[in-house]
Structure formats: structure tokens, C-alpha cells
Amino acid sequence: QELLQKDSENSYSILVSNSVTIAPNKTYSACVVCRGTLLGGMMRLQEKNKGFRFTYTEDPNYGPYLQSVNGLNGSTKDRTYWELLVKKANETIRLNVGIGAFIPSENDQIILNFKGY
């Protein structure tokens, strides 16, 4: 009976891209428990894959804010940040929530795009 109560997992991928320095893209396979957040999935990925690292800060109004991926920090001085996108089938949309609120679906491609403004 314990097995029946175990939550299923959604598999998705994370694509790390860089629009500023045109570094090569890196794709990671990830999973999250059913109804789990992107932040939880990223933490699991970081534990299992030494090639993927990220940091975030906790904003009192908006929750977790993605600060760096694989050692590359967003910076107000350099006018750079990490844009969050999701590709579902043939449509890519900008997330209107952060890593602590977005819930990935099966086969989503999450795009973490380092970008200037």
C-alpha cells in the first residue's frame, strides 16, 4: 500500500543558454515529484549532477530569485540576469512566476537563459 501512495515524478530537461557571451548550451535531464516546484527539481539535479550548480536569494515579496547558474552570476552592474523560459511542444513562453512557484510538467524544456538588459 505504501507504493500506491508514492508520488510519481515528471521528467523534464533544463537547457542553460547564454545570450551574452554566446557560450555553448548545456542540457540536463531532470525530474521533480508530481506537483513539485522547479526549485525542488533544480536542487535534486544539483545533488545528482556535479556539472550543474545554481544559487538563489530569497526575496521577501517574490520568493526565491535565481542568482547564478554554473558559476555565472546575474549582475545589476553588468545589466545581466537569468531569464526563465519554458518550451512546451512548439511554443516557448517566459515564465510569469519564479523557480519557487513554477511546477514543471512532463517533457517540458526549462530554459535558463543568461541575458542582458
PDB file of N, CA and C in Angstrom:
ATOM      1  N   GLN A   1       0.825  -1.203   0.000  1.00  0.00           N
ATOM      2  CA  GLN A   1       0.000   0.000   0.000  1.00  0.00           C
ATOM      3  C   GLN A   1       0.866   1.263   0.000  1.00  0.00           C
ATOM      4  N   GLU A   2       2.044   1.215   0.638  1.00  0.00           N
ATOM      5  CA  GLU A   2       2.931   2.369   0.624  1.00  0.00           C
ATOM      6  C   GLU A   2       3.311   2.755  -0.799  1.00  0.00           C
ATOM      7  N   LEU A   3       3.515   1.756  -1.652  1.00  0.00           N
ATOM      8  CA  LEU A   3       3.895   2.028  -3.035  1.00  0.00           C
ATOM      9  C   LEU A   3       2.804   2.798  -3.771  1.00  0.00           C
ATOM     10  N   LEU A   4       1.551   2.506  -3.470  1.00  0.00           N
ATOM     11  CA  LEU A   4       0.447   3.186  -4.144  1.00  0.00           C
ATOM     12  C   LEU A   4       0.373   4.659  -3.763  1.00  0.00           C
ATOM     13  N   GLN A   5       0.849   5.012  -2.581  1.00  0.00           N
ATOM     14  CA  GLN A   5       0.777   6.396  -2.129  1.00  0.00           C
ATOM     15  C   GLN A   5       1.976   7.225  -2.574  1.00  0.00           C
ATOM     16  N   LYS A   6       2.998   6.563  -3.086  1.00  0.00           N
ATOM     17  CA  LYS A   6       4.205   7.282  -3.510  1.00  0.00           C
ATOM     18  C   LYS A   6       3.871   8.188  -4.703  1.00  0.00           C
ATOM     19  N   ASP A   7       4.286   9.444  -4.633  1.00  0.00           N
ATOM     20  CA  ASP A   7       4.051  10.368  -5.741  1.00  0.00           C
ATOM     21  C   ASP A   7       4.853   9.949  -6.963  1.00  0.00           C
ATOM     22  N   SER A   8       4.283  10.158  -8.125  1.00  0.00           N
ATOM     23  CA  SER A   8       5.025   9.904  -9.359  1.00  0.00           C
ATOM     24  C   SER A   8       5.930  11.101  -9.640  1.00  0.00           C
ATOM     25  N   GLU A   9       6.808  10.942 -10.634  1.00  0.00           N
ATOM     26  CA  GLU A   9       7.723  12.022 -10.989  1.00  0.00           C
ATOM     27  C   GLU A   9       7.454  12.488 -12.411  1.00  0.00           C
ATOM     28  N   ASN A  10       7.709  13.758 -12.658  1.00  0.00           N
ATOM     29  CA  ASN A  10       7.657  14.314 -14.007  1.00  0.00           C
ATOM     30  C   ASN A  10       9.087  14.524 -14.483  1.00  0.00           C
ATOM     31  N   SER A  11       9.401  13.990 -15.664  1.00  0.00           N
ATOM     32  CA  SER A  11      10.723  14.185 -16.253  1.00  0.00           C
ATOM     33  C   SER A  11      10.680  15.389 -17.184  1.00  0.00           C
ATOM     34  N   TYR A  12      11.716  16.188 -17.124  1.00  0.00           N
ATOM     35  CA  TYR A  12      11.815  17.365 -17.986  1.00  0.00           C
ATOM     36  C   TYR A  12      13.285  17.641 -18.204  1.00  0.00           C
ATOM     37  N   SER A  13      13.608  18.630 -19.012  1.00  0.00           N
ATOM     38  CA  SER A  13      15.008  18.976 -19.227  1.00  0.00           C
ATOM     39  C   SER A  13      15.229  20.438 -18.880  1.00  0.00           C
ATOM     40  N   ILE A  14      16.476  20.740 -18.548  1.00  0.00           N
ATOM     41  CA  ILE A  14      16.883  22.124 -18.293  1.00  0.00           C
ATOM     42  C   ILE A  14      17.967  22.469 -19.301  1.00  0.00           C
ATOM     43  N   LEU A  15      17.722  23.488 -20.096  1.00  0.00           N
ATOM     44  CA  LEU A  15      18.692  23.987 -21.069  1.00  0.00           C
ATOM     45  C   LEU A  15      19.289  25.272 -20.508  1.00  0.00           C
ATOM     46  N   VAL A  16      20.613  25.295 -20.348  1.00  0.00           N
ATOM     47  CA  VAL A  16      21.302  26.502 -19.889  1.00  0.00           C
ATOM     48  C   VAL A  16      21.908  27.164 -21.114  1.00  0.00           C
ATOM     49  N   SER A  17      21.447  28.372 -21.412  1.00  0.00           N
ATOM     50  CA  SER A  17      21.968  29.096 -22.581  1.00  0.00           C
ATOM     51  C   SER A  17      22.473  30.464 -22.144  1.00  0.00           C
ATOM     52  N   ASN A  18      23.315  31.061 -22.994  1.00  0.00           N
ATOM     53  CA  ASN A  18      23.957  32.319 -22.657  1.00  0.00           C
ATOM     54  C   ASN A  18      23.886  33.244 -23.866  1.00  0.00           C
ATOM     55  N   SER A  19      23.031  34.250 -23.792  1.00  0.00           N
ATOM     56  CA  SER A  19      22.879  35.220 -24.882  1.00  0.00           C
ATOM     57  C   SER A  19      23.926  36.322 -24.829  1.00  0.00           C
ATOM     58  N   VAL A  20      24.708  36.386 -23.743  1.00  0.00           N
ATOM     59  CA  VAL A  20      25.663  37.476 -23.563  1.00  0.00           C
ATOM     60  C   VAL A  20      27.012  37.119 -24.178  1.00  0.00           C
ATOM     61  N   THR A  21      27.577  35.988 -23.776  1.00  0.00           N
ATOM     62  CA  THR A  21      28.908  35.619 -24.276  1.00  0.00           C
ATOM     63  C   THR A  21      28.858  34.519 -25.328  1.00  0.00           C
ATOM     64  N   ILE A  22      27.675  34.063 -25.673  1.00  0.00           N
ATOM     65  CA  ILE A  22      27.480  33.018 -26.678  1.00  0.00           C
ATOM     66  C   ILE A  22      28.274  31.756 -26.310  1.00  0.00           C
ATOM     67  N   ALA A  23      28.258  31.387 -25.033  1.00  0.00           N
ATOM     68  CA  ALA A  23      28.872  30.127 -24.591  1.00  0.00           C
ATOM     69  C   ALA A  23      28.003  28.967 -25.094  1.00  0.00           C
ATOM     70  N   PRO A  24      28.577  27.772 -25.237  1.00  0.00           N
ATOM     71  CA  PRO A  24      27.775  26.646 -25.718  1.00  0.00           C
ATOM     72  C   PRO A  24      26.646  26.297 -24.745  1.00  0.00           C
ATOM     73  N   ASN A  25      25.516  25.896 -25.307  1.00  0.00           N
ATOM     74  CA  ASN A  25      24.379  25.473 -24.488  1.00  0.00           C
ATOM     75  C   ASN A  25      24.699  24.155 -23.800  1.00  0.00           C
ATOM     76  N   LYS A  26      24.097  23.949 -22.635  1.00  0.00           N
ATOM     77  CA  LYS A  26      24.204  22.678 -21.929  1.00  0.00           C
ATOM     78  C   LYS A  26      22.797  22.244 -21.554  1.00  0.00           C
ATOM     79  N   THR A  27      22.506  20.955 -21.775  1.00  0.00           N
ATOM     80  CA  THR A  27      21.198  20.416 -21.436  1.00  0.00           C
ATOM     81  C   THR A  27      21.351  19.350 -20.363  1.00  0.00           C
ATOM     82  N   TYR A  28      20.452  19.375 -19.390  1.00  0.00           N
ATOM     83  CA  TYR A  28      20.453  18.427 -18.287  1.00  0.00           C
ATOM     84  C   TYR A  28      19.087  17.759 -18.214  1.00  0.00           C
ATOM     85  N   SER A  29      19.073  16.461 -17.925  1.00  0.00           N
ATOM     86  CA  SER A  29      17.818  15.754 -17.664  1.00  0.00           C
ATOM     87  C   SER A  29      17.496  15.923 -16.190  1.00  0.00           C
ATOM     88  N   ALA A  30      16.254  16.227 -15.900  1.00  0.00           N
ATOM     89  CA  ALA A  30      15.853  16.474 -14.524  1.00  0.00           C
ATOM     90  C   ALA A  30      14.500  15.835 -14.267  1.00  0.00           C
ATOM     91  N   CYS A  31      14.155  15.717 -12.998  1.00  0.00           N
ATOM     92  CA  CYS A  31      12.813  15.258 -12.656  1.00  0.00           C
ATOM     93  C   CYS A  31      12.393  15.936 -11.364  1.00  0.00           C
ATOM     94  N   VAL A  32      11.105  15.972 -11.183  1.00  0.00           N
ATOM     95  CA  VAL A  32      10.531  16.598  -9.998  1.00  0.00           C
ATOM     96  C   VAL A  32       9.361  15.725  -9.565  1.00  0.00           C
ATOM     97  N   VAL A  33       9.119  15.648  -8.266  1.00  0.00           N
ATOM     98  CA  VAL A  33       7.961  14.893  -7.809  1.00  0.00           C
ATOM     99  C   VAL A  33       6.700  15.537  -8.366  1.00  0.00           C
ATOM    100  N   CYS A  34       5.673  14.756  -8.501  1.00  0.00           N
ATOM    101  CA  CYS A  34       4.404  15.255  -9.025  1.00  0.00           C
ATOM    102  C   CYS A  34       3.965  16.473  -8.210  1.00  0.00           C
ATOM    103  N   ARG A  35       3.667  17.557  -8.885  1.00  0.00           N
ATOM    104  CA  ARG A  35       3.256  18.836  -8.293  1.00  0.00           C
ATOM    105  C   ARG A  35       4.393  19.537  -7.554  1.00  0.00           C
ATOM    106  N   GLY A  36       5.656  19.095  -7.757  1.00  0.00           N
ATOM    107  CA  GLY A  36       6.809  19.736  -7.132  1.00  0.00           C
ATOM    108  C   GLY A  36       7.243  20.955  -7.930  1.00  0.00           C
ATOM    109  N   THR A  37       7.979  21.843  -7.289  1.00  0.00           N
ATOM    110  CA  THR A  37       8.397  23.094  -7.932  1.00  0.00           C
ATOM    111  C   THR A  37       9.707  22.927  -8.704  1.00  0.00           C
ATOM    112  N   LEU A  38       9.954  23.873  -9.588  1.00  0.00           N
ATOM    113  CA  LEU A  38      11.210  23.907 -10.331  1.00  0.00           C
ATOM    114  C   LEU A  38      12.391  24.000  -9.370  1.00  0.00           C
ATOM    115  N   LEU A  39      12.279  24.785  -8.306  1.00  0.00           N
ATOM    116  CA  LEU A  39      13.356  24.908  -7.331  1.00  0.00           C
ATOM    117  C   LEU A  39      13.708  23.535  -6.753  1.00  0.00           C
ATOM    118  N   GLY A  40      12.728  22.754  -6.376  1.00  0.00           N
ATOM    119  CA  GLY A  40      12.970  21.419  -5.840  1.00  0.00           C
ATOM    120  C   GLY A  40      13.659  20.525  -6.857  1.00  0.00           C
ATOM    121  N   GLY A  41      13.212  20.587  -8.113  1.00  0.00           N
ATOM    122  CA  GLY A  41      13.831  19.800  -9.175  1.00  0.00           C
ATOM    123  C   GLY A  41      15.274  20.218  -9.424  1.00  0.00           C
ATOM    124  N   MET A  42      15.540  21.524  -9.360  1.00  0.00           N
ATOM    125  CA  MET A  42      16.908  22.023  -9.556  1.00  0.00           C
ATOM    126  C   MET A  42      17.811  21.585  -8.403  1.00  0.00           C
ATOM    127  N   MET A  43      17.268  21.557  -7.187  1.00  0.00           N
ATOM    128  CA  MET A  43      18.056  21.096  -6.038  1.00  0.00           C
ATOM    129  C   MET A  43      18.400  19.607  -6.192  1.00  0.00           C
ATOM    130  N   ARG A  44      17.437  18.807  -6.631  1.00  0.00           N
ATOM    131  CA  ARG A  44      17.685  17.383  -6.858  1.00  0.00           C
ATOM    132  C   ARG A  44      18.736  17.192  -7.943  1.00  0.00           C
ATOM    133  N   LEU A  45      18.628  17.962  -9.029  1.00  0.00           N
ATOM    134  CA  LEU A  45      19.591  17.864 -10.122  1.00  0.00           C
ATOM    135  C   LEU A  45      20.995  18.232  -9.634  1.00  0.00           C
ATOM    136  N   GLN A  46      21.099  19.282  -8.836  1.00  0.00           N
ATOM    137  CA  GLN A  46      22.392  19.730  -8.317  1.00  0.00           C
ATOM    138  C   GLN A  46      23.026  18.640  -7.439  1.00  0.00           C
ATOM    139  N   GLU A  47      22.207  17.931  -6.666  1.00  0.00           N
ATOM    140  CA  GLU A  47      22.715  16.847  -5.817  1.00  0.00           C
ATOM    141  C   GLU A  47      23.247  15.677  -6.647  1.00  0.00           C
ATOM    142  N   LYS A  48      22.598  15.399  -7.772  1.00  0.00           N
ATOM    143  CA  LYS A  48      22.935  14.213  -8.578  1.00  0.00           C
ATOM    144  C   LYS A  48      23.955  14.500  -9.673  1.00  0.00           C
ATOM    145  N   ASN A  49      24.083  15.751 -10.105  1.00  0.00           N
ATOM    146  CA  ASN A  49      24.938  16.076 -11.244  1.00  0.00           C
ATOM    147  C   ASN A  49      25.912  17.183 -10.831  1.00  0.00           C
ATOM    148  N   LYS A  50      27.185  16.815 -10.682  1.00  0.00           N
ATOM    149  CA  LYS A  50      28.196  17.785 -10.233  1.00  0.00           C
ATOM    150  C   LYS A  50      28.446  18.888 -11.266  1.00  0.00           C
ATOM    151  N   GLY A  51      27.989  18.694 -12.507  1.00  0.00           N
ATOM    152  CA  GLY A  51      28.181  19.696 -13.547  1.00  0.00           C
ATOM    153  C   GLY A  51      27.150  20.809 -13.515  1.00  0.00           C
ATOM    154  N   PHE A  52      26.115  20.665 -12.689  1.00  0.00           N
ATOM    155  CA  PHE A  52      25.060  21.677 -12.611  1.00  0.00           C
ATOM    156  C   PHE A  52      25.065  22.294 -11.217  1.00  0.00           C
ATOM    157  N   ARG A  53      25.219  23.613 -11.173  1.00  0.00           N
ATOM    158  CA  ARG A  53      25.218  24.354  -9.913  1.00  0.00           C
ATOM    159  C   ARG A  53      24.365  25.604 -10.077  1.00  0.00           C
ATOM    160  N   PHE A  54      23.683  25.991  -9.011  1.00  0.00           N
ATOM    161  CA  PHE A  54      22.935  27.249  -9.058  1.00  0.00           C
ATOM    162  C   PHE A  54      22.855  27.826  -7.657  1.00  0.00           C
ATOM    163  N   THR A  55      22.635  29.133  -7.605  1.00  0.00           N
ATOM    164  CA  THR A  55      22.382  29.807  -6.335  1.00  0.00           C
ATOM    165  C   THR A  55      21.144  30.680  -6.510  1.00  0.00           C
ATOM    166  N   TYR A  56      20.517  30.966  -5.389  1.00  0.00           N
ATOM    167  CA  TYR A  56      19.351  31.855  -5.416  1.00  0.00           C
ATOM    168  C   TYR A  56      19.320  32.649  -4.133  1.00  0.00           C
ATOM    169  N   THR A  57      18.605  33.750  -4.173  1.00  0.00           N
ATOM    170  CA  THR A  57      18.372  34.539  -2.966  1.00  0.00           C
ATOM    171  C   THR A  57      16.880  34.507  -2.680  1.00  0.00           C
ATOM    172  N   GLU A  58      16.550  34.733  -1.446  1.00  0.00           N
ATOM    173  CA  GLU A  58      15.144  34.718  -1.031  1.00  0.00           C
ATOM    174  C   GLU A  58      14.646  36.152  -0.966  1.00  0.00           C
ATOM    175  N   ASP A  59      13.730  36.511  -1.863  1.00  0.00           N
ATOM    176  CA  ASP A  59      13.135  37.847  -1.849  1.00  0.00           C
ATOM    177  C   ASP A  59      11.892  37.794  -0.959  1.00  0.00           C
ATOM    178  N   PRO A  60      11.753  38.722   0.008  1.00  0.00           N
ATOM    179  CA  PRO A  60      10.612  38.654   0.931  1.00  0.00           C
ATOM    180  C   PRO A  60       9.256  38.820   0.239  1.00  0.00           C
ATOM    181  N   ASN A  61       9.233  39.468  -0.902  1.00  0.00           N
ATOM    182  CA  ASN A  61       7.968  39.682  -1.606  1.00  0.00           C
ATOM    183  C   ASN A  61       7.680  38.645  -2.675  1.00  0.00           C
ATOM    184  N   TYR A  62       8.727  38.193  -3.362  1.00  0.00           N
ATOM    185  CA  TYR A  62       8.514  37.350  -4.535  1.00  0.00           C
ATOM    186  C   TYR A  62       9.037  35.924  -4.404  1.00  0.00           C
ATOM    187  N   GLY A  63       9.704  35.607  -3.298  1.00  0.00           N
ATOM    188  CA  GLY A  63      10.211  34.255  -3.102  1.00  0.00           C
ATOM    189  C   GLY A  63      11.593  34.073  -3.706  1.00  0.00           C
ATOM    190  N   PRO A  64      11.978  32.815  -3.974  1.00  0.00           N
ATOM    191  CA  PRO A  64      13.327  32.525  -4.468  1.00  0.00           C
ATOM    192  C   PRO A  64      13.597  33.186  -5.819  1.00  0.00           C
ATOM    193  N   TYR A  65      14.764  33.815  -5.916  1.00  0.00           N
ATOM    194  CA  TYR A  65      15.172  34.529  -7.123  1.00  0.00           C
ATOM    195  C   TYR A  65      16.478  33.906  -7.612  1.00  0.00           C
ATOM    196  N   LEU A  66      16.482  33.376  -8.843  1.00  0.00           N
ATOM    197  CA  LEU A  66      17.666  32.721  -9.404  1.00  0.00           C
ATOM    198  C   LEU A  66      18.784  33.736  -9.573  1.00  0.00           C
ATOM    199  N   GLN A  67      19.924  33.451  -8.941  1.00  0.00           N
ATOM    200  CA  GLN A  67      21.036  34.396  -8.944  1.00  0.00           C
ATOM    201  C   GLN A  67      22.164  33.963  -9.876  1.00  0.00           C
ATOM    202  N   SER A  68      22.552  32.675  -9.813  1.00  0.00           N
ATOM    203  CA  SER A  68      23.642  32.204 -10.662  1.00  0.00           C
ATOM    204  C   SER A  68      23.382  30.773 -11.120  1.00  0.00           C
ATOM    205  N   VAL A  69      23.942  30.442 -12.275  1.00  0.00           N
ATOM    206  CA  VAL A  69      23.899  29.076 -12.799  1.00  0.00           C
ATOM    207  C   VAL A  69      25.316  28.737 -13.254  1.00  0.00           C
ATOM    208  N   ASN A  70      25.809  27.609 -12.780  1.00  0.00           N
ATOM    209  CA  ASN A  70      27.146  27.128 -13.142  1.00  0.00           C
ATOM    210  C   ASN A  70      28.220  28.207 -12.965  1.00  0.00           C
ATOM    211  N   GLY A  71      28.099  28.972 -11.876  1.00  0.00           N
ATOM    212  CA  GLY A  71      29.108  29.967 -11.535  1.00  0.00           C
ATOM    213  C   GLY A  71      28.940  31.314 -12.208  1.00  0.00           C
ATOM    214  N   LEU A  72      27.946  31.467 -13.068  1.00  0.00           N
ATOM    215  CA  LEU A  72      27.727  32.730 -13.778  1.00  0.00           C
ATOM    216  C   LEU A  72      26.606  33.501 -13.085  1.00  0.00           C
ATOM    217  N   ASN A  73      26.966  34.662 -12.522  1.00  0.00           N
ATOM    218  CA  ASN A  73      26.030  35.479 -11.748  1.00  0.00           C
ATOM    219  C   ASN A  73      25.375  36.552 -12.594  1.00  0.00           C
ATOM    220  N   GLY A  74      24.082  36.756 -12.372  1.00  0.00           N
ATOM    221  CA  GLY A  74      23.433  37.946 -12.894  1.00  0.00           C
ATOM    222  C   GLY A  74      23.947  39.145 -12.115  1.00  0.00           C
ATOM    223  N   SER A  75      23.950  40.314 -12.738  1.00  0.00           N
ATOM    224  CA  SER A  75      24.558  41.480 -12.098  1.00  0.00           C
ATOM    225  C   SER A  75      23.852  42.761 -12.534  1.00  0.00           C
ATOM    226  N   THR A  76      23.440  43.572 -11.554  1.00  0.00           N
ATOM    227  CA  THR A  76      22.848  44.867 -11.919  1.00  0.00           C
ATOM    228  C   THR A  76      23.918  45.782 -12.525  1.00  0.00           C
ATOM    229  N   LYS A  77      25.171  45.655 -12.052  1.00  0.00           N
ATOM    230  CA  LYS A  77      26.268  46.473 -12.595  1.00  0.00           C
ATOM    231  C   LYS A  77      26.496  46.149 -14.082  1.00  0.00           C
ATOM    232  N   ASP A  78      26.502  44.856 -14.404  1.00  0.00           N
ATOM    233  CA  ASP A  78      26.710  44.439 -15.795  1.00  0.00           C
ATOM    234  C   ASP A  78      25.407  44.370 -16.589  1.00  0.00           C
ATOM    235  N   ARG A  79      24.289  44.656 -15.896  1.00  0.00           N
ATOM    236  CA  ARG A  79      22.967  44.617 -16.521  1.00  0.00           C
ATOM    237  C   ARG A  79      22.687  43.249 -17.151  1.00  0.00           C
ATOM    238  N   THR A  80      22.865  42.197 -16.345  1.00  0.00           N
ATOM    239  CA  THR A  80      22.596  40.828 -16.789  1.00  0.00           C
ATOM    240  C   THR A  80      21.705  40.123 -15.773  1.00  0.00           C
ATOM    241  N   TYR A  81      20.957  39.128 -16.244  1.00  0.00           N
ATOM    242  CA  TYR A  81      20.088  38.346 -15.361  1.00  0.00           C
ATOM    243  C   TYR A  81      19.798  36.999 -16.011  1.00  0.00           C
ATOM    244  N   TRP A  82      19.198  36.106 -15.236  1.00  0.00           N
ATOM    245  CA  TRP A  82      18.788  34.799 -15.743  1.00  0.00           C
ATOM    246  C   TRP A  82      17.307  34.839 -16.089  1.00  0.00           C
ATOM    247  N   GLU A  83      17.012  34.757 -17.376  1.00  0.00           N
ATOM    248  CA  GLU A  83      15.639  34.733 -17.870  1.00  0.00           C
ATOM    249  C   GLU A  83      15.116  33.294 -17.767  1.00  0.00           C
ATOM    250  N   LEU A  84      13.880  33.135 -17.305  1.00  0.00           N
ATOM    251  CA  LEU A  84      13.266  31.814 -17.177  1.00  0.00           C
ATOM    252  C   LEU A  84      12.224  31.630 -18.273  1.00  0.00           C
ATOM    253  N   LEU A  85      12.442  30.595 -19.087  1.00  0.00           N
ATOM    254  CA  LEU A  85      11.511  30.280 -20.177  1.00  0.00           C
ATOM    255  C   LEU A  85      11.112  28.815 -20.068  1.00  0.00           C
ATOM    256  N   VAL A  86       9.986  28.462 -20.663  1.00  0.00           N
ATOM    257  CA  VAL A  86       9.602  27.053 -20.759  1.00  0.00           C
ATOM    258  C   VAL A  86       9.128  26.783 -22.187  1.00  0.00           C
ATOM    259  N   LYS A  87       9.641  25.699 -22.751  1.00  0.00           N
ATOM    260  CA  LYS A  87       9.211  25.279 -24.085  1.00  0.00           C
ATOM    261  C   LYS A  87       8.281  24.085 -23.913  1.00  0.00           C
ATOM    262  N   LYS A  88       7.046  24.265 -24.375  1.00  0.00           N
ATOM    263  CA  LYS A  88       6.040  23.212 -24.343  1.00  0.00           C
ATOM    264  C   LYS A  88       5.639  22.948 -25.782  1.00  0.00           C
ATOM    265  N   ALA A  89       5.852  21.731 -26.258  1.00  0.00           N
ATOM    266  CA  ALA A  89       5.600  21.384 -27.654  1.00  0.00           C
ATOM    267  C   ALA A  89       6.342  22.370 -28.553  1.00  0.00           C
ATOM    268  N   ASN A  90       5.632  23.189 -29.330  1.00  0.00           N
ATOM    269  CA  ASN A  90       6.304  24.127 -30.237  1.00  0.00           C
ATOM    270  C   ASN A  90       6.220  25.572 -29.775  1.00  0.00           C
ATOM    271  N   GLU A  91       5.871  25.791 -28.518  1.00  0.00           N
ATOM    272  CA  GLU A  91       5.700  27.150 -28.017  1.00  0.00           C
ATOM    273  C   GLU A  91       6.664  27.403 -26.864  1.00  0.00           C
ATOM    274  N   THR A  92       7.401  28.511 -26.930  1.00  0.00           N
ATOM    275  CA  THR A  92       8.285  28.904 -25.835  1.00  0.00           C
ATOM    276  C   THR A  92       7.710  30.155 -25.191  1.00  0.00           C
ATOM    277  N   ILE A  93       7.511  30.090 -23.876  1.00  0.00           N
ATOM    278  CA  ILE A  93       6.921  31.228 -23.165  1.00  0.00           C
ATOM    279  C   ILE A  93       7.813  31.628 -21.991  1.00  0.00           C
ATOM    280  N   ARG A  94       7.782  32.902 -21.666  1.00  0.00           N
ATOM    281  CA  ARG A  94       8.504  33.415 -20.499  1.00  0.00           C
ATOM    282  C   ARG A  94       7.653  33.090 -19.268  1.00  0.00           C
ATOM    283  N   LEU A  95       8.315  32.569 -18.239  1.00  0.00           N
ATOM    284  CA  LEU A  95       7.586  32.246 -17.013  1.00  0.00           C
ATOM    285  C   LEU A  95       7.162  33.529 -16.311  1.00  0.00           C
ATOM    286  N   ASN A  96       5.937  33.525 -15.811  1.00  0.00           N
ATOM    287  CA  ASN A  96       5.454  34.694 -15.080  1.00  0.00           C
ATOM    288  C   ASN A  96       5.535  34.466 -13.575  1.00  0.00           C
ATOM    289  N   VAL A  97       6.185  33.359 -13.172  1.00  0.00           N
ATOM    290  CA  VAL A  97       6.456  33.079 -11.769  1.00  0.00           C
ATOM    291  C   VAL A  97       7.913  32.639 -11.652  1.00  0.00           C
ATOM    292  N   GLY A  98       8.437  32.606 -10.446  1.00  0.00           N
ATOM    293  CA  GLY A  98       9.832  32.245 -10.245  1.00  0.00           C
ATOM    294  C   GLY A  98      10.044  30.753 -10.042  1.00  0.00           C
ATOM    295  N   ILE A  99      11.295  30.388  -9.721  1.00  0.00           N
ATOM    296  CA  ILE A  99      11.668  28.985  -9.570  1.00  0.00           C
ATOM    297  C   ILE A  99      10.971  28.317  -8.390  1.00  0.00           C
ATOM    298  N   GLY A 100      10.520  29.102  -7.415  1.00  0.00           N
ATOM    299  CA  GLY A 100       9.845  28.542  -6.255  1.00  0.00           C
ATOM    300  C   GLY A 100       8.368  28.305  -6.462  1.00  0.00           C
ATOM    301  N   ALA A 101       7.788  28.827  -7.545  1.00  0.00           N
ATOM    302  CA  ALA A 101       6.352  28.682  -7.777  1.00  0.00           C
ATOM    303  C   ALA A 101       6.036  27.887  -9.041  1.00  0.00           C
ATOM    304  N   PHE A 102       6.962  27.831 -10.007  1.00  0.00           N
ATOM    305  CA  PHE A 102       6.679  27.124 -11.261  1.00  0.00           C
ATOM    306  C   PHE A 102       6.716  25.620 -11.042  1.00  0.00           C
ATOM    307  N   ILE A 103       5.722  24.920 -11.572  1.00  0.00           N
ATOM    308  CA  ILE A 103       5.628  23.464 -11.473  1.00  0.00           C
ATOM    309  C   ILE A 103       5.830  22.873 -12.863  1.00  0.00           C
ATOM    310  N   PRO A 104       6.992  22.242 -13.121  1.00  0.00           N
ATOM    311  CA  PRO A 104       7.252  21.666 -14.445  1.00  0.00           C
ATOM    312  C   PRO A 104       6.300  20.502 -14.747  1.00  0.00           C
ATOM    313  N   SER A 105       5.911  20.402 -16.000  1.00  0.00           N
ATOM    314  CA  SER A 105       5.101  19.289 -16.490  1.00  0.00           C
ATOM    315  C   SER A 105       6.005  18.294 -17.202  1.00  0.00           C
ATOM    316  N   GLU A 106       5.502  17.092 -17.390  1.00  0.00           N
ATOM    317  CA  GLU A 106       6.237  16.058 -18.111  1.00  0.00           C
ATOM    318  C   GLU A 106       6.676  16.584 -19.473  1.00  0.00           C
ATOM    319  N   ASN A 107       7.937  16.369 -19.821  1.00  0.00           N
ATOM    320  CA  ASN A 107       8.534  16.728 -21.113  1.00  0.00           C
ATOM    321  C   ASN A 107       8.719  18.225 -21.351  1.00  0.00           C
ATOM    322  N   ASP A 108       8.506  19.063 -20.358  1.00  0.00           N
ATOM    323  CA  ASP A 108       8.828  20.487 -20.511  1.00  0.00           C
ATOM    324  C   ASP A 108      10.325  20.632 -20.752  1.00  0.00           C
ATOM    325  N   GLN A 109      10.693  21.677 -21.459  1.00  0.00           N
ATOM    326  CA  GLN A 109      12.094  22.071 -21.521  1.00  0.00           C
ATOM    327  C   GLN A 109      12.185  23.438 -20.845  1.00  0.00           C
ATOM    328  N   ILE A 110      12.848  23.460 -19.694  1.00  0.00           N
ATOM    329  CA  ILE A 110      13.049  24.717 -18.969  1.00  0.00           C
ATOM    330  C   ILE A 110      14.312  25.348 -19.538  1.00  0.00           C
ATOM    331  N   ILE A 111      14.240  26.612 -19.918  1.00  0.00           N
ATOM    332  CA  ILE A 111      15.392  27.310 -20.478  1.00  0.00           C
ATOM    333  C   ILE A 111      15.823  28.382 -19.480  1.00  0.00           C
ATOM    334  N   LEU A 112      17.045  28.237 -18.988  1.00  0.00           N
ATOM    335  CA  LEU A 112      17.656  29.258 -18.142  1.00  0.00           C
ATOM    336  C   LEU A 112      18.594  30.035 -19.048  1.00  0.00           C
ATOM    337  N   ASN A 113      18.179  31.221 -19.447  1.00  0.00           N
ATOM    338  CA  ASN A 113      18.908  31.998 -20.447  1.00  0.00           C
ATOM    339  C   ASN A 113      19.566  33.208 -19.795  1.00  0.00           C
ATOM    340  N   PHE A 114      20.911  33.240 -19.828  1.00  0.00           N
ATOM    341  CA  PHE A 114      21.655  34.385 -19.307  1.00  0.00           C
ATOM    342  C   PHE A 114      21.538  35.506 -20.330  1.00  0.00           C
ATOM    343  N   LYS A 115      21.073  36.664 -19.877  1.00  0.00           N
ATOM    344  CA  LYS A 115      20.675  37.711 -20.824  1.00  0.00           C
ATOM    345  C   LYS A 115      21.029  39.089 -20.288  1.00  0.00           C
ATOM    346  N   GLY A 116      21.271  40.017 -21.199  1.00  0.00           N
ATOM    347  CA  GLY A 116      21.496  41.412 -20.834  1.00  0.00           C
ATOM    348  C   GLY A 116      20.214  42.210 -20.966  1.00  0.00           C
ATOM    349  N   TYR A 117      20.189  43.376 -20.306  1.00  0.00           N
ATOM    350  CA  TYR A 117      19.023  44.277 -20.438  1.00  0.00           C
ATOM    351  C   TYR A 117      19.467  45.704 -20.591  1.00  0.00           C
TER     352      TYR A 117
END
